[in-house]
Amino acid sequence: MMFLNFLLALLPIIWLFIAFLGLKMPGYLGCLIALLIAIVESIVLGMVNGGTSSELMLHGLNFSEAMTATLEGVLGAVFPIAIIIIAAMFTYNLCVETRAMDRIKKMMTSVTNDKRMLVLILAWGFGGFMEAVAGFGTAVAIPAAMMVAVGFDPMFSAVACLLTNACNPTFGSIGIPTTTAGGLVADIIGGGDASVASALIAGPAINMLAIPAFLSPFLVVLLTGKAMGKKNPLKGMLPFTLIAALTYVVPAMLIGNFVGAEFVDLVGNTLSLVAMIAAAKLMPPCTDPEWKMDLSVEEDAGLNSIKFGTATAWVPYILMLVLLIGTSKLVPVLNAPVNAVKSVFEVYSGPNPGKVSFSWFGNAGFLILISGIIGGLCQHASPATMGKVLVSTCKKMWKAIATIVFIIAVAKVMGYSGMTTSIAYLLAELTGGFYAALAPVVGIIGTFVTGSTTSSGVLFAKMQTEVAEMIRAGDTPLKVSLVAANMAGGAIGKLISPQSIAVACAAIGLEGVDGKIMRKTVGYCVAFGVIVCIMSVIL
């Protein structure tokens, strides 16, 4: 009976893997069917098991609860996730329209004309920095679009950005995933202090992710060679790749173990980006025709017709970073009033409904949109041009947005019906004392379903402490370790999350390639997952 419940709870997830890896369905269609499966299954379980009034873990929902759970998911997907992604892509598309991206491409090739270095700077460095300050898919959407604009293959750009974003999300958005999880288990492991709890989690979480994080830049260079059909891509790149890896991993481990979660990505990714740019400028230009990238004569000549300079071309992105950091928790004097303007309400009609919160001015989507509009004005774009670009962006992205909406709705239905928690608890029951080695898998599943490392922590952080109590009563270090394993696994899950892949598809301008991208990233997810599982046992 236990195993049957486990399979029933897994049914929407099993379908998603079949849809993407086997049937090669477009993301929005596969996720829509997954949502229908989750809704029907939750209602049937509710009729059989007694619904939310039942004491059974896999209790199901009635029709009203299933519909309102779905609606809560739709609202949560649109605001803020879809708005953030649309705003980020609008900013990029506007830079293409004004030809600011041509200026940016010229500047990037002046930093280095080595394609391998450029990939690392954009995907690992800039993408990591965007994860640190914004999160919510910007670490994939913006650098992947930039890579395509610079001239890289779209599919390669998407996979490279997903790969480089496989370790950062645990500490993205100024540490929100880990600090949120810390707040949920503060009474259990932190003496009631959320900051203490999140600091305790941060150390083992970054330690578990250290090896995948170190390997990521090397794997991206190898991926670059494979995408271009070139041999020995690491030739001449070992020093630069080591700089990229170590300038993130070493500071991140020091911050995570001795300071706390908030600055792990911000310090690590900033130092890595700065170090790579400095190293690239100091190294001699690439002369190997296999890896050399230069503007064509036509592109170079065409820059003369652009009526603004390089600094103006970067205004949207500079302003974006200033606003995101300036209104974050790092600047409390601005963070509090900006985030005070919000609407909070309940949608789910069943017991213990979650709160839906709309922060009108403090959300990243609004700030990115404002940055794009001001940047567009600086680049002489008219309101009509900006309106045209915004409408075009929305039209191009509707399938990606639909995918995100459907998968978040799936997550809500599975969560309220007891499916998600059943998967975790039943996995613990089935594995017993061996569970510590599989704790990161729960985090991976959480992010696969919800698309968010934060949500994975919200779903499973407290459950991990309860499982630790079942395994070894009163063992606080074990509780910390399992929560940290959940958060580390949550980051790895980004590699195969339908939401992340949908964002990547939108960024590179390709439709219906979700399954193709997942087939390229699932191997990295398995490899990184195995490493994190082993580290979970060792630590």
Protein backbone atom coordinates (compact mmCIF):
# COMPACT_ATOMS: atom_id res chain seq x y z
CA MET A 1 0.00 0.00 0.00
CA MET A 2 2.87 2.36 0.88
CA PHE A 3 4.56 1.78 -2.48
CA LEU A 4 1.24 2.28 -4.33
CA ASN A 5 0.74 5.63 -2.59
CA PHE A 6 4.30 6.57 -3.54
CA LEU A 7 3.61 5.83 -7.22
CA LEU A 8 0.28 7.68 -7.13
CA ALA A 9 1.95 10.77 -5.65
CA LEU A 10 4.67 10.57 -8.31
CA LEU A 11 2.23 10.22 -11.23
CA PRO A 12 2.35 13.88 -12.48
CA ILE A 13 6.17 13.87 -12.22
CA ILE A 14 6.46 10.54 -14.05
CA TRP A 15 4.25 11.95 -16.81
CA LEU A 16 6.48 15.04 -17.17
CA PHE A 17 9.57 12.90 -17.71
CA ILE A 18 7.69 10.77 -20.25
CA ALA A 19 6.39 13.88 -22.03
CA PHE A 20 9.77 15.63 -22.27
CA LEU A 21 12.25 12.77 -22.62
CA GLY A 22 10.10 10.16 -24.37
CA LEU A 23 7.34 11.85 -26.32
CA LYS A 24 9.31 15.09 -26.94
CA MET A 25 6.24 17.22 -26.27
CA PRO A 26 6.37 21.02 -26.17
CA GLY A 27 6.69 22.25 -22.60
CA TYR A 28 3.35 23.99 -22.38
CA LEU A 29 1.45 20.94 -23.63
CA GLY A 30 3.26 18.47 -21.38
CA CYS A 31 2.72 20.69 -18.33
CA LEU A 32 -0.96 21.27 -19.20
CA ILE A 33 -1.56 17.51 -19.30
CA ALA A 34 0.39 17.15 -16.03
CA LEU A 35 -1.93 19.74 -14.48
CA LEU A 36 -5.02 17.85 -15.69
CA ILE A 37 -3.58 14.61 -14.29
CA ALA A 38 -2.88 16.29 -10.93
CA ILE A 39 -6.37 17.83 -10.73
CA VAL A 40 -8.22 14.62 -11.66
CA GLU A 41 -6.03 12.51 -9.38
CA SER A 42 -6.47 14.91 -6.44
CA ILE A 43 -10.27 14.89 -6.83
CA VAL A 44 -10.41 11.08 -7.11
CA LEU A 45 -8.16 10.72 -4.05
CA GLY A 46 -10.39 13.19 -2.23
CA MET A 47 -13.45 11.06 -2.99
CA VAL A 48 -11.69 7.83 -1.95
CA ASN A 49 -9.64 9.03 1.03
CA GLY A 50 -11.98 11.65 2.48
CA GLY A 51 -10.34 14.86 1.25
CA THR A 52 -8.65 17.43 3.47
CA SER A 53 -10.75 16.39 6.48
CA SER A 54 -8.99 13.00 6.39
CA GLU A 55 -5.95 12.26 8.53
CA LEU A 56 -4.30 10.44 5.62
CA MET A 57 -1.21 12.12 4.21
CA LEU A 58 -2.32 11.53 0.60
CA HIS A 59 -5.80 12.90 1.26
CA GLY A 60 -6.77 14.55 -2.03
CA LEU A 61 -9.08 17.53 -2.63
CA ASN A 62 -12.67 18.28 -3.48
CA PHE A 63 -13.53 20.10 -6.71
CA SER A 64 -13.55 23.59 -5.18
CA GLU A 65 -10.22 23.03 -3.45
CA ALA A 66 -8.63 21.68 -6.64
CA MET A 67 -9.81 24.68 -8.65
CA THR A 68 -8.71 27.28 -6.09
CA ALA A 69 -5.36 25.54 -5.66
CA THR A 70 -4.93 25.79 -9.43
CA LEU A 71 -5.91 29.47 -9.38
CA GLU A 72 -3.40 30.17 -6.61
CA GLY A 73 -0.72 28.56 -8.75
CA VAL A 74 -1.70 30.64 -11.79
CA LEU A 75 -1.54 33.89 -9.80
CA GLY A 76 1.78 32.93 -8.24
CA ALA A 77 3.22 32.12 -11.66
CA VAL A 78 2.09 35.36 -13.29
CA PHE A 79 3.11 37.55 -10.37
CA PRO A 80 6.03 37.79 -10.00
CA ILE A 81 7.69 35.04 -12.08
CA ALA A 82 6.17 35.68 -15.53
CA ILE A 83 6.43 39.46 -15.08
CA ILE A 84 10.12 39.17 -14.20
CA ILE A 85 10.87 37.03 -17.26
CA ILE A 86 8.85 39.26 -19.62
CA ALA A 87 10.53 42.38 -18.21
CA ALA A 88 13.99 40.84 -18.61
CA MET A 89 13.33 39.77 -22.20
CA PHE A 90 11.68 43.10 -23.03
CA THR A 91 14.85 44.87 -21.86
CA TYR A 92 17.01 42.60 -23.98
CA ASN A 93 14.77 42.88 -27.07
CA LEU A 94 14.70 46.66 -26.72
CA CYS A 95 18.51 46.70 -26.66
CA VAL A 96 18.45 44.68 -29.88
CA GLU A 97 15.93 47.10 -31.43
CA THR A 98 18.00 50.19 -30.51
CA ARG A 99 21.20 48.36 -31.56
CA ALA A 100 22.60 48.79 -28.06
CA MET A 101 23.37 45.06 -28.18
CA ASP A 102 25.78 45.72 -31.07
CA ARG A 103 27.69 48.13 -28.81
CA ILE A 104 27.67 45.56 -26.00
CA LYS A 105 28.94 42.87 -28.37
CA LYS A 106 31.79 45.16 -29.44
CA MET A 107 32.72 45.84 -25.83
CA MET A 108 32.60 42.13 -24.92
CA THR A 109 34.89 41.18 -27.79
CA SER A 110 37.27 43.94 -26.69
CA VAL A 111 37.49 42.28 -23.26
CA THR A 112 38.38 38.97 -24.91
CA ASN A 113 38.10 37.60 -28.41
CA ASP A 114 38.34 34.01 -27.13
CA LYS A 115 34.94 32.36 -27.46
CA ARG A 116 35.57 30.07 -24.49
CA MET A 117 36.42 32.96 -22.17
CA LEU A 118 33.42 34.91 -23.42
CA VAL A 119 31.10 31.99 -22.63
CA LEU A 120 32.45 31.80 -19.07
CA ILE A 121 32.18 35.56 -18.53
CA LEU A 122 28.58 35.68 -19.77
CA ALA A 123 27.14 32.38 -18.51
CA TRP A 124 29.17 31.74 -15.35
CA GLY A 125 30.11 35.28 -14.34
CA PHE A 126 27.27 37.55 -15.42
CA GLY A 127 24.65 34.81 -15.06
CA GLY A 128 25.85 34.04 -11.55
CA PHE A 129 25.75 37.72 -10.63
CA MET A 130 22.16 37.99 -11.90
CA GLU A 131 21.23 34.97 -9.77
CA ALA A 132 22.83 36.62 -6.74
CA VAL A 133 20.88 39.87 -7.04
CA ALA A 134 17.64 38.89 -8.81
CA GLY A 135 17.05 35.17 -9.32
CA PHE A 136 13.67 34.05 -10.74
CA GLY A 137 15.13 32.89 -14.05
CA THR A 138 17.07 36.06 -14.88
CA ALA A 139 20.36 34.14 -14.55
CA VAL A 140 19.32 32.03 -17.54
CA ALA A 141 17.18 34.45 -19.56
CA ILE A 142 19.52 37.44 -19.78
CA PRO A 143 22.93 35.80 -20.37
CA ALA A 144 21.47 33.19 -22.77
CA ALA A 145 19.91 35.96 -24.87
CA MET A 146 23.18 37.90 -24.78
CA MET A 147 25.12 34.84 -25.93
CA VAL A 148 22.79 34.42 -28.90
CA ALA A 149 23.20 38.11 -29.74
CA VAL A 150 26.99 37.77 -29.62
CA GLY A 151 26.78 34.90 -32.09
CA PHE A 152 26.63 31.62 -30.15
CA ASP A 153 24.30 28.77 -31.10
CA PRO A 154 20.92 29.19 -29.35
CA MET A 155 20.65 25.61 -28.04
CA PHE A 156 24.20 25.70 -26.74
CA SER A 157 23.55 29.06 -25.06
CA ALA A 158 20.51 27.68 -23.22
CA VAL A 159 22.27 24.54 -21.99
CA ALA A 160 25.40 26.46 -20.96
CA CYS A 161 23.39 28.93 -18.87
CA LEU A 162 21.35 26.17 -17.23
CA LEU A 163 24.57 24.32 -16.41
CA THR A 164 26.26 27.35 -14.87
CA ASN A 165 23.11 28.05 -12.85
CA ALA A 166 23.07 24.59 -11.25
CA CYS A 167 24.69 25.57 -7.93
CA ASN A 168 23.91 29.26 -7.33
CA PRO A 169 20.13 29.16 -6.67
CA THR A 170 20.53 27.96 -3.05
CA PHE A 171 21.93 31.41 -2.24
CA GLY A 172 20.30 33.46 -5.02
CA SER A 173 18.33 36.69 -4.57
CA ILE A 174 20.54 37.72 -1.62
CA GLY A 175 20.16 34.30 0.01
CA ILE A 176 16.34 34.16 0.02
CA PRO A 177 15.98 30.36 -0.50
CA THR A 178 18.20 29.49 2.47
CA THR A 179 17.00 32.29 4.76
CA THR A 180 13.39 31.30 4.02
CA ALA A 181 14.11 27.67 4.91
CA GLY A 182 15.94 28.86 8.02
CA GLY A 183 12.89 30.80 9.13
CA LEU A 184 10.70 27.71 8.80
CA VAL A 185 12.94 25.56 11.03
CA ALA A 186 14.25 28.28 13.36
CA ASP A 187 12.41 26.87 16.38
CA ILE A 188 13.88 23.43 15.71
CA ILE A 189 17.54 24.12 14.93
CA GLY A 190 18.11 27.84 15.56
CA GLY A 191 16.71 28.44 19.03
CA GLY A 192 13.93 30.51 17.49
CA ASP A 193 16.34 32.77 15.60
CA ALA A 194 15.89 32.56 11.81
CA SER A 195 19.27 34.17 11.09
CA VAL A 196 21.03 31.56 13.25
CA ALA A 197 19.15 28.73 11.54
CA SER A 198 19.94 29.98 8.02
CA ALA A 199 23.62 30.45 8.96
CA LEU A 200 23.76 26.87 10.23
CA ILE A 201 22.24 25.61 6.97
CA ALA A 202 24.48 27.74 4.71
CA GLY A 203 27.76 26.05 5.67
CA PRO A 204 26.92 22.42 4.89
CA ALA A 205 24.83 23.45 1.86
CA ILE A 206 27.72 25.25 0.15
CA ASN A 207 30.10 22.45 1.17
CA MET A 208 27.87 19.92 -0.59
CA LEU A 209 27.74 22.13 -3.69
CA ALA A 210 31.45 22.97 -3.76
CA ILE A 211 32.52 20.14 -6.10
CA PRO A 212 29.72 20.69 -8.67
CA ALA A 213 30.41 24.44 -8.51
CA PHE A 214 34.13 23.85 -9.12
CA LEU A 215 33.43 21.49 -12.02
CA SER A 216 30.85 23.70 -13.74
CA PRO A 217 33.26 26.12 -15.51
CA PHE A 218 35.33 23.18 -16.83
CA LEU A 219 32.21 21.41 -18.07
CA VAL A 220 31.05 24.59 -19.81
CA VAL A 221 34.37 24.89 -21.64
CA LEU A 222 34.11 21.25 -22.71
CA LEU A 223 30.51 21.89 -23.79
CA THR A 224 31.71 24.87 -25.83
CA GLY A 225 34.15 22.66 -27.69
CA LYS A 226 31.52 20.00 -28.32
CA ALA A 227 29.00 22.57 -29.60
CA MET A 228 31.56 23.96 -32.04
CA GLY A 229 32.91 20.57 -33.09
CA LYS A 230 36.39 21.43 -31.82
CA LYS A 231 38.86 19.17 -30.02
CA ASN A 232 40.83 19.97 -26.84
CA PRO A 233 38.80 23.03 -25.77
CA LEU A 234 40.67 23.15 -22.42
CA LYS A 235 43.97 23.67 -24.23
CA GLY A 236 45.30 27.04 -23.07
CA MET A 237 42.21 27.55 -20.88
CA LEU A 238 43.19 25.80 -17.64
CA PRO A 239 44.49 28.93 -15.86
CA PHE A 240 41.46 31.02 -16.82
CA THR A 241 38.99 28.24 -15.96
CA LEU A 242 40.68 27.71 -12.59
CA ILE A 243 40.34 31.44 -11.90
CA ALA A 244 36.63 31.27 -12.79
CA ALA A 245 36.05 28.28 -10.51
CA LEU A 246 38.21 29.14 -7.51
CA THR A 247 37.25 32.81 -7.25
CA TYR A 248 33.67 31.68 -6.70
CA VAL A 249 34.10 28.46 -4.71
CA VAL A 250 36.69 29.64 -2.15
CA PRO A 251 34.92 32.91 -1.14
CA ALA A 252 31.52 31.19 -1.24
CA MET A 253 32.70 28.46 1.15
CA LEU A 254 34.28 30.98 3.49
CA ILE A 255 31.17 33.16 3.54
CA GLY A 256 28.81 30.19 3.87
CA ASN A 257 30.71 28.61 6.73
CA PHE A 258 31.64 31.72 8.70
CA VAL A 259 29.22 34.55 7.78
CA GLY A 260 25.82 33.38 6.51
CA ALA A 261 23.62 32.72 3.50
CA GLU A 262 22.95 36.25 2.25
CA PHE A 263 26.41 37.00 0.86
CA VAL A 264 27.49 33.60 -0.50
CA ASP A 265 26.50 34.27 -4.13
CA LEU A 266 26.83 38.03 -4.00
CA VAL A 267 30.48 37.93 -2.89
CA GLY A 268 31.45 34.76 -4.74
CA ASN A 269 29.91 35.63 -8.10
CA THR A 270 31.02 39.27 -7.98
CA LEU A 271 34.63 38.29 -7.28
CA SER A 272 34.51 35.62 -10.00
CA LEU A 273 33.11 38.03 -12.61
CA VAL A 274 35.64 40.76 -11.77
CA ALA A 275 38.53 38.26 -11.70
CA MET A 276 37.59 36.80 -15.09
CA ILE A 277 37.31 40.22 -16.74
CA ALA A 278 40.67 41.28 -15.25
CA ALA A 279 42.33 38.02 -16.30
CA ALA A 280 40.89 38.24 -19.82
CA LYS A 281 42.23 41.80 -20.22
CA LEU A 282 45.68 40.77 -19.02
CA MET A 283 45.94 37.74 -21.28
CA PRO A 284 47.11 38.17 -24.87
CA PRO A 285 44.39 38.20 -27.57
CA CYS A 286 43.41 34.84 -28.99
CA THR A 287 45.06 34.11 -32.34
CA ASP A 288 43.76 30.56 -32.76
CA PRO A 289 41.17 30.74 -35.58
CA GLU A 290 39.20 27.91 -33.95
CA TRP A 291 38.39 30.06 -30.91
CA LYS A 292 38.86 33.62 -32.16
CA MET A 293 35.78 35.85 -32.31
CA ASP A 294 35.79 39.21 -34.07
CA LEU A 295 33.16 41.53 -35.46
CA SER A 296 32.80 41.37 -39.21
CA VAL A 297 33.88 44.39 -41.27
CA GLU A 298 30.20 45.17 -41.89
CA GLU A 299 29.31 44.95 -38.19
CA ASP A 300 32.25 47.14 -37.20
CA ALA A 301 31.39 49.76 -39.82
CA GLY A 302 27.74 49.69 -38.82
CA LEU A 303 28.57 50.86 -35.30
CA ASN A 304 29.24 54.35 -36.65
CA SER A 305 25.53 54.82 -37.37
CA ILE A 306 24.56 54.24 -33.72
CA LYS A 307 23.94 57.60 -32.05
CA PHE A 308 25.01 56.64 -28.53
CA GLY A 309 28.06 55.11 -26.94
CA THR A 310 28.89 51.95 -25.04
CA ALA A 311 28.06 53.42 -21.63
CA THR A 312 24.53 54.26 -22.80
CA ALA A 313 24.15 50.77 -24.25
CA TRP A 314 24.75 49.32 -20.77
CA VAL A 315 22.38 51.75 -18.97
CA PRO A 316 19.43 49.28 -18.68
CA TYR A 317 21.60 46.61 -17.08
CA ILE A 318 23.52 49.00 -14.84
CA LEU A 319 20.26 50.56 -13.66
CA MET A 320 18.77 47.08 -13.19
CA LEU A 321 21.58 46.07 -10.83
CA VAL A 322 21.46 49.38 -8.93
CA LEU A 323 17.71 49.11 -8.36
CA LEU A 324 17.76 45.42 -7.46
CA ILE A 325 20.58 45.80 -4.97
CA GLY A 326 19.37 49.18 -3.71
CA THR A 327 15.93 47.86 -2.80
CA SER A 328 17.17 44.51 -1.42
CA LYS A 329 17.70 43.51 2.21
CA LEU A 330 21.22 44.92 1.90
CA VAL A 331 19.70 48.42 2.04
CA PRO A 332 16.98 48.18 4.73
CA VAL A 333 16.21 51.91 4.61
CA LEU A 334 14.85 51.43 1.06
CA ASN A 335 13.80 47.80 1.25
CA ALA A 336 11.16 48.31 3.96
CA PRO A 337 9.15 51.18 2.42
CA VAL A 338 9.33 49.80 -1.14
CA ASN A 339 8.05 46.37 -0.08
CA ALA A 340 5.41 47.82 2.25
CA VAL A 341 3.13 48.55 -0.71
CA LYS A 342 1.62 45.14 -1.33
CA SER A 343 -1.61 43.16 -1.46
CA VAL A 344 -1.93 39.95 0.56
CA PHE A 345 -4.91 37.62 0.23
CA GLU A 346 -5.99 33.97 0.26
CA VAL A 347 -7.25 32.00 -2.74
CA TYR A 348 -7.29 28.33 -1.74
CA SER A 349 -10.66 27.33 -0.26
CA GLY A 350 -9.41 24.41 1.84
CA PRO A 351 -7.77 24.36 5.28
CA ASN A 352 -4.43 26.10 5.93
CA PRO A 353 -4.39 28.22 2.76
CA GLY A 354 -1.20 29.92 1.72
CA LYS A 355 -0.91 33.68 1.39
CA VAL A 356 -0.71 35.19 -2.08
CA SER A 357 1.33 38.38 -1.90
CA PHE A 358 1.70 41.02 -4.62
CA SER A 359 4.49 43.50 -3.91
CA TRP A 360 3.69 46.29 -6.34
CA PHE A 361 6.93 48.28 -6.36
CA GLY A 362 9.47 46.03 -4.64
CA ASN A 363 9.21 43.08 -7.01
CA ALA A 364 12.06 42.43 -9.42
CA GLY A 365 9.78 42.48 -12.47
CA PHE A 366 8.70 46.08 -11.88
CA LEU A 367 12.29 47.19 -11.25
CA ILE A 368 13.60 45.42 -14.37
CA LEU A 369 10.80 46.90 -16.49
CA ILE A 370 11.54 50.41 -15.22
CA SER A 371 15.24 49.85 -15.98
CA GLY A 372 14.39 48.76 -19.52
CA ILE A 373 12.12 51.77 -20.15
CA ILE A 374 14.63 54.32 -18.82
CA GLY A 375 17.42 52.60 -20.73
CA GLY A 376 15.31 52.66 -23.90
CA LEU A 377 14.70 56.41 -23.51
CA CYS A 378 18.45 56.96 -23.09
CA GLN A 379 18.97 55.00 -26.30
CA HIS A 380 16.47 57.25 -28.15
CA ALA A 381 13.67 54.67 -28.33
CA SER A 382 10.24 56.25 -28.70
CA PRO A 383 7.25 55.17 -26.56
CA ALA A 384 5.75 53.65 -29.71
CA THR A 385 8.88 51.59 -30.29
CA MET A 386 8.91 50.40 -26.68
CA GLY A 387 5.23 49.47 -26.90
CA LYS A 388 5.84 47.52 -30.09
CA VAL A 389 8.77 45.65 -28.52
CA LEU A 390 6.76 44.84 -25.38
CA VAL A 391 3.84 43.45 -27.40
CA SER A 392 6.23 41.45 -29.59
CA THR A 393 7.97 40.06 -26.50
CA CYS A 394 4.69 38.93 -24.97
CA LYS A 395 3.62 37.26 -28.22
CA LYS A 396 6.90 35.39 -28.54
CA MET A 397 6.86 34.24 -24.92
CA TRP A 398 3.29 33.05 -24.46
CA LYS A 399 4.22 29.36 -24.66
CA ALA A 400 7.00 29.78 -22.11
CA ILE A 401 4.67 31.70 -19.81
CA ALA A 402 1.98 29.04 -20.26
CA THR A 403 4.53 26.37 -19.29
CA ILE A 404 5.43 28.29 -16.12
CA VAL A 405 1.77 28.87 -15.23
CA PHE A 406 0.86 25.19 -15.68
CA ILE A 407 3.84 23.81 -13.74
CA ILE A 408 3.30 26.16 -10.79
CA ALA A 409 -0.36 25.18 -10.76
CA VAL A 410 0.72 21.51 -10.73
CA ALA A 411 2.91 22.27 -7.73
CA LYS A 412 0.03 23.88 -5.82
CA VAL A 413 -2.42 21.03 -6.53
CA MET A 414 0.19 18.43 -5.57
CA GLY A 415 1.08 20.36 -2.43
CA TYR A 416 -2.44 20.91 -1.11
CA SER A 417 -3.57 17.35 -1.97
CA GLY A 418 -0.71 15.79 -0.01
CA MET A 419 1.10 14.35 -3.03
CA THR A 420 4.33 16.29 -2.56
CA THR A 421 4.78 15.59 1.14
CA SER A 422 3.77 11.96 0.57
CA ILE A 423 6.65 11.54 -1.88
CA ALA A 424 9.16 12.78 0.69
CA TYR A 425 7.79 10.93 3.72
CA LEU A 426 7.26 7.69 1.83
CA LEU A 427 10.80 7.93 0.44
CA ALA A 428 12.04 8.28 4.02
CA GLU A 429 9.95 5.29 5.13
CA LEU A 430 11.16 3.14 2.24
CA THR A 431 14.87 3.95 2.72
CA GLY A 432 15.09 4.12 6.54
CA GLY A 433 18.60 4.87 7.85
CA PHE A 434 19.89 5.19 4.27
CA TYR A 435 17.71 8.27 3.80
CA ALA A 436 20.55 10.77 4.45
CA ALA A 437 22.07 9.76 1.12
CA LEU A 438 18.79 10.54 -0.66
CA ALA A 439 17.81 13.76 1.14
CA PRO A 440 19.09 15.90 -1.78
CA VAL A 441 16.81 13.94 -4.13
CA VAL A 442 13.82 15.35 -2.25
CA GLY A 443 15.16 18.85 -2.90
CA ILE A 444 15.64 18.03 -6.59
CA ILE A 445 12.04 16.78 -6.81
CA GLY A 446 10.81 19.92 -5.06
CA THR A 447 12.53 22.22 -7.56
CA PHE A 448 11.54 20.04 -10.51
CA VAL A 449 7.88 20.39 -9.53
CA THR A 450 7.84 24.03 -8.39
CA GLY A 451 10.68 25.50 -10.48
CA SER A 452 11.99 27.22 -7.35
CA THR A 453 14.69 26.34 -4.83
CA THR A 454 12.87 28.59 -2.36
CA SER A 455 9.63 26.65 -2.83
CA SER A 456 11.49 23.36 -2.50
CA GLY A 457 12.71 24.54 0.90
CA VAL A 458 9.24 25.75 1.89
CA LEU A 459 7.79 22.35 1.00
CA PHE A 460 10.40 20.15 2.61
CA ALA A 461 12.63 21.95 5.14
CA LYS A 462 10.47 21.15 8.15
CA MET A 463 9.81 17.64 6.86
CA GLN A 464 13.58 17.02 6.71
CA THR A 465 13.91 17.85 10.41
CA GLU A 466 11.04 15.47 11.23
CA VAL A 467 12.70 12.67 9.26
CA ALA A 468 15.98 13.36 11.09
CA GLU A 469 14.11 13.00 14.39
CA MET A 470 12.74 9.63 13.18
CA ILE A 471 16.24 8.45 12.23
CA ARG A 472 18.06 9.69 15.34
CA ALA A 473 16.05 11.52 17.99
CA GLY A 474 17.53 14.74 19.35
CA ASP A 475 20.35 14.93 16.78
CA THR A 476 20.39 18.63 15.80
CA PRO A 477 23.43 18.37 13.47
CA LEU A 478 21.59 15.67 11.48
CA LYS A 479 18.56 17.97 11.17
CA VAL A 480 20.78 20.79 9.91
CA SER A 481 22.50 18.44 7.47
CA LEU A 482 19.25 17.13 5.97
CA VAL A 483 17.80 20.62 5.51
CA ALA A 484 21.09 21.71 3.90
CA ALA A 485 20.96 18.63 1.65
CA ASN A 486 17.45 19.62 0.60
CA MET A 487 18.62 23.13 -0.31
CA ALA A 488 21.67 21.83 -2.18
CA GLY A 489 19.53 19.36 -4.12
CA GLY A 490 17.07 22.15 -4.84
CA ALA A 491 19.75 24.03 -6.77
CA ILE A 492 20.68 20.95 -8.82
CA GLY A 493 17.00 20.47 -9.71
CA LYS A 494 17.10 23.69 -11.71
CA LEU A 495 18.86 21.75 -14.47
CA ILE A 496 15.71 19.77 -15.29
CA SER A 497 12.97 22.07 -13.99
CA PRO A 498 10.36 22.63 -16.73
CA GLN A 499 10.04 26.23 -15.54
CA SER A 500 13.77 26.92 -15.97
CA ILE A 501 13.83 25.20 -19.33
CA ALA A 502 10.81 27.22 -20.49
CA VAL A 503 12.68 30.42 -19.58
CA ALA A 504 15.71 29.20 -21.55
CA CYS A 505 13.53 28.43 -24.59
CA ALA A 506 12.04 31.92 -24.49
CA ALA A 507 15.46 33.53 -24.14
CA ILE A 508 16.93 31.81 -27.19
CA GLY A 509 13.78 32.29 -29.29
CA LEU A 510 13.10 28.60 -29.98
CA GLU A 511 9.74 26.88 -29.46
CA GLY A 512 9.01 23.26 -28.63
CA VAL A 513 12.59 22.32 -27.73
CA ASP A 514 11.97 21.80 -24.00
CA GLY A 515 12.49 18.04 -24.23
CA LYS A 516 15.62 18.45 -26.33
CA ILE A 517 17.13 20.78 -23.75
CA MET A 518 16.16 18.45 -20.88
CA ARG A 519 17.83 15.52 -22.62
CA LYS A 520 21.03 17.57 -22.70
CA THR A 521 20.85 18.66 -19.04
CA VAL A 522 19.54 15.51 -17.33
CA GLY A 523 22.98 13.86 -17.39
CA TYR A 524 24.54 16.82 -15.58
CA CYS A 525 21.67 16.74 -13.08
CA VAL A 526 22.26 13.05 -12.33
CA ALA A 527 26.03 13.51 -12.00
CA PHE A 528 25.76 16.57 -9.75
CA GLY A 529 22.97 14.88 -7.79
CA VAL A 530 25.14 11.83 -7.10
CA ILE A 531 27.99 14.06 -5.91
CA VAL A 532 25.71 16.02 -3.57
CA CYS A 533 24.17 12.79 -2.23
CA ILE A 534 27.65 11.43 -1.45
CA MET A 535 28.65 14.72 0.20
CA SER A 536 25.42 14.63 2.22
CA VAL A 537 26.54 11.33 3.79
CA ILE A 538 30.17 12.41 4.28
CA LEU A 539 29.27 15.75 5.88
